[in-house]
Amino acid sequence: MLFFTLIAAGAALVLATPVRNVERQDKPDPSQVYVEKVSWAGTGCPPGSATADIAESGTLVSLGFSKYVAATGTGQSASDARKNCDVKITLHYPQGWSYTVATTDLRGYALIPKSCSARIGANYFFSGQQQDAATNVAFKGPIDNNYRLTTIVPTEALVWSKCGVSGQLFNVNTQAVVTCTQNAILGVDSQDTKFEMKLHLEWEKC
């Protein structure tokens, strides 16, 4: 009789316990995600030579360049063969989420003679963090054409922001490098960087 009473009491307790439904969000509230600030510096984007535009509800940063050109040959110094632009971005986003950048679209013009080569690379990292991700796209001459390419970071190498930490500076440092003893050019006209969000689930002991 006692055994039956305990079972009945346990069943009543289970029935009385409220069930908490947790709705999973695939994306944060769009109104809470936007770029707060964009700045840049480098030999490929000196002051007054670049412009920035923020689109797609504040998650796409587009930059235009007028002096981002790596070149070799007549009249060029050794430092002209390598140019870079470090773009620093501050993103506003809600608690419980972190973000990263997996791809960057670059457009420009390449004039690379036969037997010469060039490359465009991108490094992604948060200021103050040691971890970074790097991508490279190679050009092999002869090339004389406009280009449009996408640098892609493998999923396992993505660099994510720290969850719950606001004001982090995300850096996209691109480089254009030419390896040639002849007249060669690798210019970058524009750069598009899009942010991706990731939900961090938090658990509590019950």
N, C-alpha and C. Protein backbone atom coordinates (compact mmCIF):
# COMPACT_ATOMS: atom_id res chain seq x y z
N MET A 1 0.84 -1.21 0.00
CA MET A 1 0.00 0.00 0.00
C MET A 1 0.87 1.25 0.00
N LEU A 2 1.92 1.19 0.83
CA LEU A 2 2.85 2.30 0.88
C LEU A 2 3.53 2.49 -0.46
N PHE A 3 3.91 1.41 -1.11
CA PHE A 3 4.57 1.46 -2.43
C PHE A 3 3.67 2.17 -3.44
N PHE A 4 2.40 1.85 -3.45
CA PHE A 4 1.46 2.46 -4.39
C PHE A 4 1.31 3.95 -4.11
N THR A 5 1.32 4.33 -2.84
CA THR A 5 1.17 5.73 -2.48
C THR A 5 2.33 6.57 -2.97
N LEU A 6 3.55 6.02 -2.86
CA LEU A 6 4.74 6.74 -3.31
C LEU A 6 4.73 6.95 -4.82
N ILE A 7 4.31 5.92 -5.55
CA ILE A 7 4.24 6.02 -7.01
C ILE A 7 3.22 7.07 -7.42
N ALA A 8 2.07 7.06 -6.76
CA ALA A 8 1.02 8.02 -7.08
C ALA A 8 1.49 9.45 -6.80
N ALA A 9 2.20 9.63 -5.68
CA ALA A 9 2.69 10.96 -5.35
C ALA A 9 3.72 11.42 -6.36
N GLY A 10 4.58 10.47 -6.79
CA GLY A 10 5.60 10.82 -7.79
C GLY A 10 4.97 11.21 -9.10
N ALA A 11 3.91 10.51 -9.52
CA ALA A 11 3.23 10.82 -10.76
C ALA A 11 2.61 12.20 -10.69
N ALA A 12 2.04 12.53 -9.55
CA ALA A 12 1.42 13.84 -9.39
C ALA A 12 2.46 14.95 -9.50
N LEU A 13 3.67 14.68 -8.94
CA LEU A 13 4.74 15.67 -8.99
C LEU A 13 5.17 15.91 -10.43
N VAL A 14 5.28 14.85 -11.21
CA VAL A 14 5.67 14.99 -12.61
C VAL A 14 4.64 15.79 -13.38
N LEU A 15 3.36 15.49 -13.14
CA LEU A 15 2.30 16.19 -13.85
C LEU A 15 2.26 17.66 -13.47
N ALA A 16 2.65 17.97 -12.24
CA ALA A 16 2.56 19.35 -11.77
C ALA A 16 3.77 20.18 -12.20
N THR A 17 4.87 19.52 -12.63
CA THR A 17 6.08 20.25 -13.01
C THR A 17 5.88 20.93 -14.35
N PRO A 18 6.04 22.25 -14.43
CA PRO A 18 5.84 22.96 -15.71
C PRO A 18 6.91 22.59 -16.72
N VAL A 19 6.52 22.52 -17.97
CA VAL A 19 7.45 22.21 -19.06
C VAL A 19 7.88 23.52 -19.70
N ARG A 20 9.21 23.77 -19.79
CA ARG A 20 9.71 25.01 -20.36
C ARG A 20 10.13 24.75 -21.81
N ASN A 21 9.47 25.40 -22.72
CA ASN A 21 9.81 25.27 -24.13
C ASN A 21 10.86 26.30 -24.51
N VAL A 22 11.94 25.88 -25.13
CA VAL A 22 13.00 26.78 -25.57
C VAL A 22 12.95 26.87 -27.09
N GLU A 23 12.70 28.07 -27.57
CA GLU A 23 12.64 28.29 -29.00
C GLU A 23 14.02 28.67 -29.52
N ARG A 24 14.53 27.92 -30.48
CA ARG A 24 15.85 28.19 -31.01
C ARG A 24 15.78 29.29 -32.06
N GLN A 25 16.71 30.22 -31.99
CA GLN A 25 16.80 31.30 -32.96
C GLN A 25 17.92 31.00 -33.94
N ASP A 26 17.62 31.09 -35.22
CA ASP A 26 18.65 30.89 -36.23
C ASP A 26 19.43 32.16 -36.48
N LYS A 27 18.81 33.31 -36.20
CA LYS A 27 19.46 34.59 -36.42
C LYS A 27 19.08 35.55 -35.29
N PRO A 28 19.97 36.47 -34.96
CA PRO A 28 19.60 37.48 -33.96
C PRO A 28 18.64 38.49 -34.56
N ASP A 29 18.06 39.30 -33.72
CA ASP A 29 17.16 40.36 -34.18
C ASP A 29 17.94 41.28 -35.13
N PRO A 30 17.52 41.39 -36.40
CA PRO A 30 18.27 42.20 -37.37
C PRO A 30 18.47 43.64 -36.94
N SER A 31 17.54 44.18 -36.16
CA SER A 31 17.66 45.57 -35.74
C SER A 31 18.78 45.77 -34.72
N GLN A 32 19.28 44.65 -34.15
CA GLN A 32 20.32 44.71 -33.14
C GLN A 32 21.71 44.42 -33.70
N VAL A 33 21.80 44.23 -35.01
CA VAL A 33 23.09 43.91 -35.63
C VAL A 33 23.43 44.97 -36.67
N TYR A 34 24.47 45.71 -36.42
CA TYR A 34 24.87 46.74 -37.38
C TYR A 34 26.31 47.18 -37.10
N VAL A 35 26.96 47.68 -38.14
CA VAL A 35 28.33 48.18 -38.03
C VAL A 35 28.31 49.55 -37.37
N GLU A 36 29.08 49.70 -36.30
CA GLU A 36 29.16 50.97 -35.60
C GLU A 36 30.24 51.88 -36.18
N LYS A 37 31.36 51.27 -36.59
CA LYS A 37 32.49 52.08 -37.03
C LYS A 37 33.37 51.29 -37.99
N VAL A 38 33.91 51.98 -38.98
CA VAL A 38 34.87 51.39 -39.93
C VAL A 38 36.04 52.36 -40.09
N SER A 39 37.26 51.84 -39.99
CA SER A 39 38.45 52.65 -40.24
C SER A 39 39.46 51.80 -40.98
N TRP A 40 40.46 52.44 -41.59
CA TRP A 40 41.44 51.69 -42.36
C TRP A 40 42.77 52.42 -42.37
N ALA A 41 43.83 51.64 -42.61
CA ALA A 41 45.17 52.20 -42.70
C ALA A 41 46.04 51.21 -43.45
N GLY A 42 47.03 51.72 -44.18
CA GLY A 42 47.94 50.84 -44.90
C GLY A 42 48.50 51.52 -46.13
N THR A 43 49.51 50.90 -46.73
CA THR A 43 50.14 51.47 -47.91
C THR A 43 49.22 51.45 -49.12
N GLY A 44 48.21 50.56 -49.09
CA GLY A 44 47.27 50.50 -50.20
C GLY A 44 46.05 51.38 -50.02
N CYS A 45 45.90 51.94 -48.83
CA CYS A 45 44.74 52.81 -48.57
C CYS A 45 45.15 53.99 -47.71
N PRO A 46 46.08 54.82 -48.22
CA PRO A 46 46.49 56.01 -47.46
C PRO A 46 45.32 56.97 -47.29
N PRO A 47 45.45 57.93 -46.36
CA PRO A 47 44.36 58.88 -46.11
C PRO A 47 43.86 59.55 -47.38
N GLY A 48 42.54 59.60 -47.53
CA GLY A 48 41.92 60.26 -48.67
C GLY A 48 41.80 59.41 -49.91
N SER A 49 42.24 58.13 -49.85
CA SER A 49 42.22 57.29 -51.05
C SER A 49 41.17 56.18 -51.00
N ALA A 50 40.40 56.10 -49.92
CA ALA A 50 39.41 55.02 -49.79
C ALA A 50 38.09 55.57 -49.29
N THR A 51 37.01 54.91 -49.66
CA THR A 51 35.67 55.26 -49.19
C THR A 51 34.98 54.00 -48.70
N ALA A 52 34.03 54.15 -47.78
CA ALA A 52 33.32 53.01 -47.22
C ALA A 52 31.82 53.21 -47.32
N ASP A 53 31.11 52.11 -47.53
CA ASP A 53 29.66 52.13 -47.58
C ASP A 53 29.15 50.92 -46.83
N ILE A 54 28.11 51.11 -46.02
CA ILE A 54 27.54 50.02 -45.23
C ILE A 54 26.16 49.69 -45.79
N ALA A 55 25.94 48.41 -46.13
CA ALA A 55 24.69 48.00 -46.77
C ALA A 55 24.16 46.73 -46.11
N GLU A 56 23.06 46.20 -46.70
CA GLU A 56 22.40 44.97 -46.22
C GLU A 56 22.13 45.02 -44.73
N SER A 57 21.39 46.04 -44.32
CA SER A 57 20.98 46.20 -42.92
C SER A 57 22.17 46.29 -41.98
N GLY A 58 23.27 46.84 -42.48
CA GLY A 58 24.41 47.11 -41.62
C GLY A 58 25.37 45.97 -41.42
N THR A 59 25.27 44.89 -42.21
CA THR A 59 26.18 43.76 -42.02
C THR A 59 27.13 43.55 -43.20
N LEU A 60 27.08 44.42 -44.20
CA LEU A 60 27.98 44.33 -45.34
C LEU A 60 28.75 45.64 -45.47
N VAL A 61 30.07 45.55 -45.43
CA VAL A 61 30.92 46.72 -45.56
C VAL A 61 31.59 46.68 -46.93
N SER A 62 31.37 47.72 -47.74
CA SER A 62 31.97 47.82 -49.06
C SER A 62 32.94 49.00 -49.07
N LEU A 63 34.16 48.74 -49.55
CA LEU A 63 35.16 49.79 -49.63
C LEU A 63 35.63 49.96 -51.06
N GLY A 64 35.92 51.19 -51.43
CA GLY A 64 36.47 51.49 -52.75
C GLY A 64 37.84 52.12 -52.59
N PHE A 65 38.78 51.75 -53.46
CA PHE A 65 40.16 52.22 -53.35
C PHE A 65 40.60 52.91 -54.65
N SER A 66 41.44 53.93 -54.51
CA SER A 66 41.98 54.61 -55.68
C SER A 66 43.50 54.47 -55.80
N LYS A 67 44.17 53.99 -54.72
CA LYS A 67 45.62 53.87 -54.75
C LYS A 67 46.12 52.50 -54.28
N TYR A 68 45.23 51.51 -54.31
CA TYR A 68 45.61 50.17 -53.85
C TYR A 68 46.18 49.41 -55.05
N VAL A 69 47.45 49.64 -55.36
CA VAL A 69 48.09 49.03 -56.53
C VAL A 69 49.49 48.57 -56.17
N ALA A 70 49.75 47.28 -56.32
CA ALA A 70 51.10 46.73 -56.20
C ALA A 70 51.70 46.64 -57.59
N ALA A 71 52.94 47.11 -57.75
CA ALA A 71 53.53 47.18 -59.09
C ALA A 71 55.03 46.96 -59.06
N THR A 72 55.56 46.44 -60.16
CA THR A 72 57.00 46.27 -60.34
C THR A 72 57.38 46.82 -61.71
N GLY A 73 58.69 46.99 -61.91
CA GLY A 73 59.17 47.44 -63.22
C GLY A 73 59.70 48.85 -63.20
N THR A 74 59.64 49.51 -64.33
CA THR A 74 60.20 50.84 -64.52
C THR A 74 59.63 51.86 -63.54
N GLY A 75 60.52 52.51 -62.81
CA GLY A 75 60.10 53.56 -61.90
C GLY A 75 59.54 53.09 -60.57
N GLN A 76 59.49 51.79 -60.34
CA GLN A 76 58.91 51.25 -59.11
C GLN A 76 60.02 50.87 -58.13
N SER A 77 59.78 51.11 -56.85
CA SER A 77 60.73 50.70 -55.81
C SER A 77 60.36 49.31 -55.31
N ALA A 78 61.23 48.73 -54.50
CA ALA A 78 60.98 47.39 -53.96
C ALA A 78 59.71 47.35 -53.11
N SER A 79 59.42 48.45 -52.38
CA SER A 79 58.24 48.48 -51.52
C SER A 79 56.94 48.58 -52.32
N ASP A 80 57.03 49.03 -53.59
CA ASP A 80 55.83 49.14 -54.41
C ASP A 80 55.27 47.79 -54.82
N ALA A 81 56.07 46.74 -54.70
CA ALA A 81 55.62 45.41 -55.10
C ALA A 81 54.66 44.79 -54.10
N ARG A 82 54.52 45.43 -52.94
CA ARG A 82 53.63 44.88 -51.90
C ARG A 82 52.82 46.02 -51.30
N LYS A 83 51.50 45.91 -51.33
CA LYS A 83 50.61 46.89 -50.73
C LYS A 83 49.63 46.17 -49.81
N ASN A 84 49.15 46.89 -48.80
CA ASN A 84 48.19 46.28 -47.88
C ASN A 84 47.18 47.31 -47.40
N CYS A 85 46.07 46.82 -46.89
CA CYS A 85 45.08 47.69 -46.25
C CYS A 85 44.45 46.93 -45.10
N ASP A 86 44.61 47.46 -43.90
CA ASP A 86 44.03 46.85 -42.70
C ASP A 86 42.75 47.60 -42.35
N VAL A 87 41.62 46.91 -42.53
CA VAL A 87 40.31 47.51 -42.26
C VAL A 87 39.85 47.04 -40.88
N LYS A 88 39.53 47.99 -40.01
CA LYS A 88 39.08 47.69 -38.65
C LYS A 88 37.58 48.00 -38.54
N ILE A 89 36.83 47.03 -38.06
CA ILE A 89 35.38 47.15 -38.02
C ILE A 89 34.86 46.85 -36.61
N THR A 90 34.00 47.73 -36.11
CA THR A 90 33.32 47.49 -34.84
C THR A 90 31.86 47.16 -35.13
N LEU A 91 31.42 45.98 -34.69
CA LEU A 91 30.06 45.52 -34.96
C LEU A 91 29.24 45.51 -33.68
N HIS A 92 28.03 46.05 -33.74
CA HIS A 92 27.09 45.98 -32.62
C HIS A 92 26.24 44.73 -32.79
N TYR A 93 26.12 43.93 -31.74
CA TYR A 93 25.31 42.72 -31.81
C TYR A 93 24.83 42.34 -30.41
N PRO A 94 23.73 41.58 -30.30
CA PRO A 94 23.14 41.28 -28.98
C PRO A 94 23.93 40.24 -28.20
N GLN A 95 23.68 40.22 -26.89
CA GLN A 95 24.32 39.24 -26.02
C GLN A 95 23.90 37.83 -26.43
N GLY A 96 24.78 36.86 -26.20
CA GLY A 96 24.48 35.47 -26.53
C GLY A 96 24.88 35.08 -27.93
N TRP A 97 25.44 36.01 -28.69
CA TRP A 97 25.86 35.73 -30.06
C TRP A 97 27.33 36.10 -30.23
N SER A 98 27.96 35.47 -31.21
CA SER A 98 29.29 35.91 -31.63
C SER A 98 29.27 35.97 -33.15
N TYR A 99 30.31 36.56 -33.74
CA TYR A 99 30.32 36.73 -35.19
C TYR A 99 31.70 36.45 -35.77
N THR A 100 31.72 36.28 -37.09
CA THR A 100 32.97 36.07 -37.81
C THR A 100 32.79 36.57 -39.23
N VAL A 101 33.86 36.49 -40.00
CA VAL A 101 33.82 36.76 -41.43
C VAL A 101 34.46 35.58 -42.13
N ALA A 102 33.72 34.94 -43.04
CA ALA A 102 34.21 33.76 -43.73
C ALA A 102 34.72 34.08 -45.12
N THR A 103 34.22 35.15 -45.73
CA THR A 103 34.60 35.48 -47.10
C THR A 103 34.76 36.99 -47.28
N THR A 104 35.59 37.34 -48.23
CA THR A 104 35.73 38.73 -48.66
C THR A 104 35.82 38.75 -50.18
N ASP A 105 35.00 39.57 -50.81
CA ASP A 105 35.03 39.71 -52.27
C ASP A 105 35.93 40.86 -52.65
N LEU A 106 36.81 40.62 -53.63
CA LEU A 106 37.75 41.64 -54.09
C LEU A 106 37.66 41.76 -55.61
N ARG A 107 37.74 43.00 -56.09
CA ARG A 107 37.70 43.26 -57.53
C ARG A 107 38.81 44.21 -57.90
N GLY A 108 39.36 44.02 -59.12
CA GLY A 108 40.43 44.91 -59.56
C GLY A 108 40.94 44.52 -60.93
N TYR A 109 42.21 44.88 -61.17
CA TYR A 109 42.83 44.64 -62.48
C TYR A 109 44.21 44.03 -62.29
N ALA A 110 44.54 43.05 -63.12
CA ALA A 110 45.84 42.38 -63.05
C ALA A 110 46.51 42.40 -64.41
N LEU A 111 47.77 42.85 -64.43
CA LEU A 111 48.62 42.78 -65.61
C LEU A 111 49.90 42.07 -65.19
N ILE A 112 49.92 40.77 -65.42
CA ILE A 112 51.03 39.93 -64.97
C ILE A 112 51.66 39.25 -66.18
N PRO A 113 52.92 39.58 -66.52
CA PRO A 113 53.57 38.95 -67.68
C PRO A 113 53.85 37.47 -67.45
N LYS A 114 54.16 36.80 -68.52
CA LYS A 114 54.55 35.40 -68.45
C LYS A 114 55.80 35.27 -67.58
N SER A 115 55.89 34.20 -66.85
CA SER A 115 56.98 33.89 -65.92
C SER A 115 56.92 34.72 -64.64
N CYS A 116 55.89 35.57 -64.49
CA CYS A 116 55.71 36.35 -63.26
C CYS A 116 54.48 35.85 -62.50
N SER A 117 54.38 36.26 -61.26
CA SER A 117 53.23 35.82 -60.44
C SER A 117 52.82 36.93 -59.48
N ALA A 118 51.68 36.74 -58.88
CA ALA A 118 51.17 37.69 -57.89
C ALA A 118 50.19 36.95 -56.98
N ARG A 119 49.81 37.60 -55.90
CA ARG A 119 48.82 36.99 -55.00
C ARG A 119 48.10 38.06 -54.22
N ILE A 120 46.88 37.72 -53.86
CA ILE A 120 46.10 38.55 -52.94
C ILE A 120 45.79 37.70 -51.72
N GLY A 121 46.09 38.22 -50.57
CA GLY A 121 45.84 37.49 -49.33
C GLY A 121 44.98 38.30 -48.39
N ALA A 122 44.41 37.62 -47.41
CA ALA A 122 43.61 38.29 -46.38
C ALA A 122 43.83 37.60 -45.05
N ASN A 123 44.07 38.40 -44.02
CA ASN A 123 44.18 37.90 -42.66
C ASN A 123 43.01 38.44 -41.85
N TYR A 124 42.38 37.55 -41.07
CA TYR A 124 41.23 37.92 -40.24
C TYR A 124 41.60 37.70 -38.78
N PHE A 125 41.39 38.70 -37.96
CA PHE A 125 41.70 38.53 -36.53
C PHE A 125 41.02 39.63 -35.73
N PHE A 126 40.81 39.34 -34.44
CA PHE A 126 40.28 40.32 -33.51
C PHE A 126 41.44 40.95 -32.75
N SER A 127 41.43 42.26 -32.63
CA SER A 127 42.49 42.96 -31.91
C SER A 127 42.57 42.42 -30.48
N GLY A 128 43.78 42.09 -30.06
CA GLY A 128 43.98 41.56 -28.72
C GLY A 128 43.92 40.05 -28.62
N GLN A 129 43.53 39.36 -29.69
CA GLN A 129 43.49 37.91 -29.70
C GLN A 129 44.61 37.36 -30.58
N GLN A 130 45.20 36.24 -30.14
CA GLN A 130 46.31 35.65 -30.87
C GLN A 130 45.86 34.88 -32.10
N GLN A 131 44.69 34.28 -32.04
CA GLN A 131 44.21 33.46 -33.16
C GLN A 131 43.88 34.31 -34.37
N ASP A 132 44.27 33.83 -35.55
CA ASP A 132 43.89 34.50 -36.78
C ASP A 132 43.64 33.46 -37.86
N ALA A 133 43.07 33.92 -38.96
CA ALA A 133 42.81 33.04 -40.11
C ALA A 133 43.37 33.73 -41.34
N ALA A 134 43.89 32.96 -42.29
CA ALA A 134 44.51 33.55 -43.47
C ALA A 134 44.07 32.82 -44.73
N THR A 135 43.93 33.58 -45.81
CA THR A 135 43.60 33.01 -47.12
C THR A 135 44.48 33.67 -48.18
N ASN A 136 44.71 32.95 -49.29
CA ASN A 136 45.51 33.49 -50.39
C ASN A 136 44.95 33.03 -51.72
N VAL A 137 44.97 33.92 -52.70
CA VAL A 137 44.58 33.59 -54.06
C VAL A 137 45.74 33.97 -54.97
N ALA A 138 46.22 33.00 -55.78
CA ALA A 138 47.40 33.22 -56.61
C ALA A 138 47.04 33.61 -58.05
N PHE A 139 47.90 34.43 -58.65
CA PHE A 139 47.80 34.81 -60.06
C PHE A 139 49.10 34.34 -60.75
N LYS A 140 48.97 33.70 -61.88
CA LYS A 140 50.14 33.27 -62.63
C LYS A 140 50.03 33.80 -64.06
N GLY A 141 51.09 34.53 -64.48
CA GLY A 141 51.06 35.14 -65.81
C GLY A 141 51.16 34.13 -66.93
N PRO A 142 50.73 34.51 -68.14
CA PRO A 142 50.34 35.88 -68.48
C PRO A 142 48.86 36.16 -68.19
N ILE A 143 48.62 37.34 -67.61
CA ILE A 143 47.26 37.81 -67.32
C ILE A 143 47.19 39.29 -67.68
N ASP A 144 46.13 39.69 -68.35
CA ASP A 144 45.86 41.10 -68.64
C ASP A 144 44.35 41.26 -68.67
N ASN A 145 43.76 41.41 -67.46
CA ASN A 145 42.30 41.39 -67.39
C ASN A 145 41.83 41.89 -66.03
N ASN A 146 40.55 42.26 -65.99
CA ASN A 146 39.90 42.54 -64.72
C ASN A 146 39.64 41.23 -64.00
N TYR A 147 39.57 41.27 -62.69
CA TYR A 147 39.29 40.06 -61.92
C TYR A 147 38.24 40.36 -60.86
N ARG A 148 37.57 39.31 -60.46
CA ARG A 148 36.68 39.34 -59.30
C ARG A 148 36.86 38.01 -58.59
N LEU A 149 37.22 38.05 -57.33
CA LEU A 149 37.51 36.81 -56.61
C LEU A 149 36.97 36.89 -55.19
N THR A 150 36.89 35.71 -54.57
CA THR A 150 36.42 35.60 -53.19
C THR A 150 37.44 34.83 -52.38
N THR A 151 37.94 35.44 -51.32
CA THR A 151 38.81 34.72 -50.40
C THR A 151 37.92 34.00 -49.38
N ILE A 152 38.18 32.72 -49.17
CA ILE A 152 37.32 31.89 -48.32
C ILE A 152 38.13 31.28 -47.18
N VAL A 153 37.66 31.45 -45.96
CA VAL A 153 38.28 30.83 -44.80
C VAL A 153 37.61 29.49 -44.54
N PRO A 154 38.37 28.38 -44.45
CA PRO A 154 37.76 27.08 -44.15
C PRO A 154 37.02 27.13 -42.82
N THR A 155 35.94 26.37 -42.73
CA THR A 155 35.10 26.39 -41.53
C THR A 155 35.89 26.13 -40.26
N GLU A 156 36.82 25.16 -40.32
CA GLU A 156 37.57 24.79 -39.11
C GLU A 156 38.57 25.87 -38.69
N ALA A 157 38.83 26.84 -39.57
CA ALA A 157 39.81 27.89 -39.26
C ALA A 157 39.16 29.23 -38.93
N LEU A 158 37.84 29.30 -38.93
CA LEU A 158 37.15 30.57 -38.68
C LEU A 158 37.50 31.15 -37.31
N VAL A 159 37.62 32.44 -37.24
CA VAL A 159 37.92 33.14 -36.00
C VAL A 159 36.65 33.84 -35.53
N TRP A 160 36.18 33.46 -34.33
CA TRP A 160 34.92 34.01 -33.80
C TRP A 160 35.19 35.01 -32.69
N SER A 161 34.29 35.97 -32.56
CA SER A 161 34.39 36.93 -31.46
C SER A 161 34.11 36.22 -30.14
N LYS A 162 34.58 36.82 -29.05
CA LYS A 162 34.30 36.27 -27.74
C LYS A 162 32.86 36.57 -27.37
N CYS A 163 32.16 35.56 -26.90
CA CYS A 163 30.76 35.73 -26.55
C CYS A 163 30.62 36.64 -25.33
N GLY A 164 29.73 37.61 -25.43
CA GLY A 164 29.47 38.50 -24.31
C GLY A 164 30.44 39.65 -24.17
N VAL A 165 31.37 39.79 -25.12
CA VAL A 165 32.34 40.90 -25.07
C VAL A 165 32.00 41.89 -26.17
N SER A 166 31.71 43.11 -25.80
CA SER A 166 31.32 44.12 -26.78
C SER A 166 32.50 45.00 -27.14
N GLY A 167 32.38 45.69 -28.27
CA GLY A 167 33.41 46.64 -28.68
C GLY A 167 34.66 46.03 -29.26
N GLN A 168 34.63 44.75 -29.64
CA GLN A 168 35.82 44.12 -30.21
C GLN A 168 36.09 44.64 -31.62
N LEU A 169 37.34 44.92 -31.93
CA LEU A 169 37.72 45.35 -33.26
C LEU A 169 38.05 44.15 -34.12
N PHE A 170 37.32 44.00 -35.23
CA PHE A 170 37.61 42.92 -36.17
C PHE A 170 38.46 43.49 -37.30
N ASN A 171 39.57 42.81 -37.60
CA ASN A 171 40.50 43.27 -38.62
C ASN A 171 40.44 42.39 -39.86
N VAL A 172 40.33 43.03 -41.03
CA VAL A 172 40.48 42.34 -42.31
C VAL A 172 41.68 43.00 -42.99
N ASN A 173 42.82 42.35 -42.91
CA ASN A 173 44.06 42.91 -43.45
C ASN A 173 44.36 42.23 -44.78
N THR A 174 44.14 42.92 -45.89
CA THR A 174 44.40 42.35 -47.21
C THR A 174 45.76 42.82 -47.72
N GLN A 175 46.36 42.00 -48.57
CA GLN A 175 47.65 42.32 -49.16
C GLN A 175 47.65 41.95 -50.64
N ALA A 176 48.23 42.82 -51.45
CA ALA A 176 48.45 42.54 -52.87
C ALA A 176 49.96 42.51 -53.09
N VAL A 177 50.46 41.41 -53.63
CA VAL A 177 51.91 41.21 -53.77
C VAL A 177 52.22 40.77 -55.20
N VAL A 178 53.21 41.41 -55.82
CA VAL A 178 53.65 41.05 -57.17
C VAL A 178 55.10 40.57 -57.11
N THR A 179 55.37 39.43 -57.76
CA THR A 179 56.73 38.90 -57.85
C THR A 179 57.13 38.90 -59.31
N CYS A 180 57.93 39.89 -59.69
CA CYS A 180 58.27 40.05 -61.11
C CYS A 180 59.41 41.07 -61.26
N THR A 181 60.23 40.90 -62.27
CA THR A 181 61.28 41.88 -62.58
C THR A 181 60.87 42.77 -63.76
N GLN A 182 59.74 42.49 -64.36
CA GLN A 182 59.23 43.27 -65.48
C GLN A 182 58.12 44.21 -65.00
N ASN A 183 57.53 44.93 -65.95
CA ASN A 183 56.40 45.79 -65.60
C ASN A 183 55.18 44.92 -65.31
N ALA A 184 54.68 45.00 -64.09
CA ALA A 184 53.52 44.21 -63.69
C ALA A 184 52.67 45.01 -62.71
N ILE A 185 51.37 44.74 -62.71
CA ILE A 185 50.43 45.48 -61.87
C ILE A 185 49.40 44.51 -61.27
N LEU A 186 49.10 44.72 -60.01
CA LEU A 186 47.97 44.04 -59.37
C LEU A 186 47.25 45.09 -58.53
N GLY A 187 46.11 45.55 -59.04
CA GLY A 187 45.36 46.60 -58.37
C GLY A 187 44.08 46.09 -57.75
N VAL A 188 43.69 46.67 -56.62
CA VAL A 188 42.44 46.34 -55.93
C VAL A 188 41.54 47.57 -55.99
N ASP A 189 40.38 47.42 -56.63
CA ASP A 189 39.44 48.54 -56.76
C ASP A 189 38.43 48.57 -55.62
N SER A 190 37.97 47.39 -55.18
CA SER A 190 36.95 47.36 -54.14
C SER A 190 37.04 46.10 -53.31
N GLN A 191 36.44 46.17 -52.12
CA GLN A 191 36.44 45.05 -51.18
C GLN A 191 35.10 45.01 -50.48
N ASP A 192 34.44 43.83 -50.47
CA ASP A 192 33.17 43.64 -49.78
C ASP A 192 33.35 42.60 -48.68
N THR A 193 33.00 42.96 -47.46
CA THR A 193 33.14 42.05 -46.33
C THR A 193 31.79 41.88 -45.66
N LYS A 194 31.34 40.62 -45.53
CA LYS A 194 30.02 40.34 -44.94
C LYS A 194 30.19 39.54 -43.66
N PHE A 195 29.38 39.90 -42.65
CA PHE A 195 29.48 39.25 -41.35
C PHE A 195 28.51 38.08 -41.22
N GLU A 196 28.95 37.07 -40.47
CA GLU A 196 28.11 35.92 -40.16
C GLU A 196 27.98 35.82 -38.64
N MET A 197 26.78 35.43 -38.20
CA MET A 197 26.52 35.34 -36.77
C MET A 197 26.42 33.88 -36.33
N LYS A 198 26.74 33.65 -35.07
CA LYS A 198 26.67 32.30 -34.51
C LYS A 198 26.09 32.40 -33.10
N LEU A 199 25.11 31.55 -32.81
CA LEU A 199 24.46 31.56 -31.51
C LEU A 199 25.25 30.73 -30.51
N HIS A 200 25.53 31.31 -29.36
CA HIS A 200 26.16 30.57 -28.26
C HIS A 200 25.07 30.14 -27.28
N LEU A 201 24.91 28.86 -27.10
CA LEU A 201 23.91 28.35 -26.15
C LEU A 201 24.49 28.33 -24.74
N GLU A 202 23.74 28.81 -23.79
CA GLU A 202 24.16 28.80 -22.41
C GLU A 202 23.29 27.80 -21.65
N TRP A 203 23.91 27.04 -20.74
CA TRP A 203 23.19 25.99 -20.01
C TRP A 203 23.14 26.36 -18.53
N GLU A 204 22.09 25.90 -17.87
CA GLU A 204 22.00 26.08 -16.44
C GLU A 204 21.70 24.74 -15.78
N LYS A 205 22.24 24.57 -14.58
CA LYS A 205 22.06 23.31 -13.87
C LYS A 205 20.67 23.29 -13.25
N CYS A 206 19.96 22.14 -13.39
CA CYS A 206 18.61 22.06 -12.83
C CYS A 206 18.52 20.89 -11.85
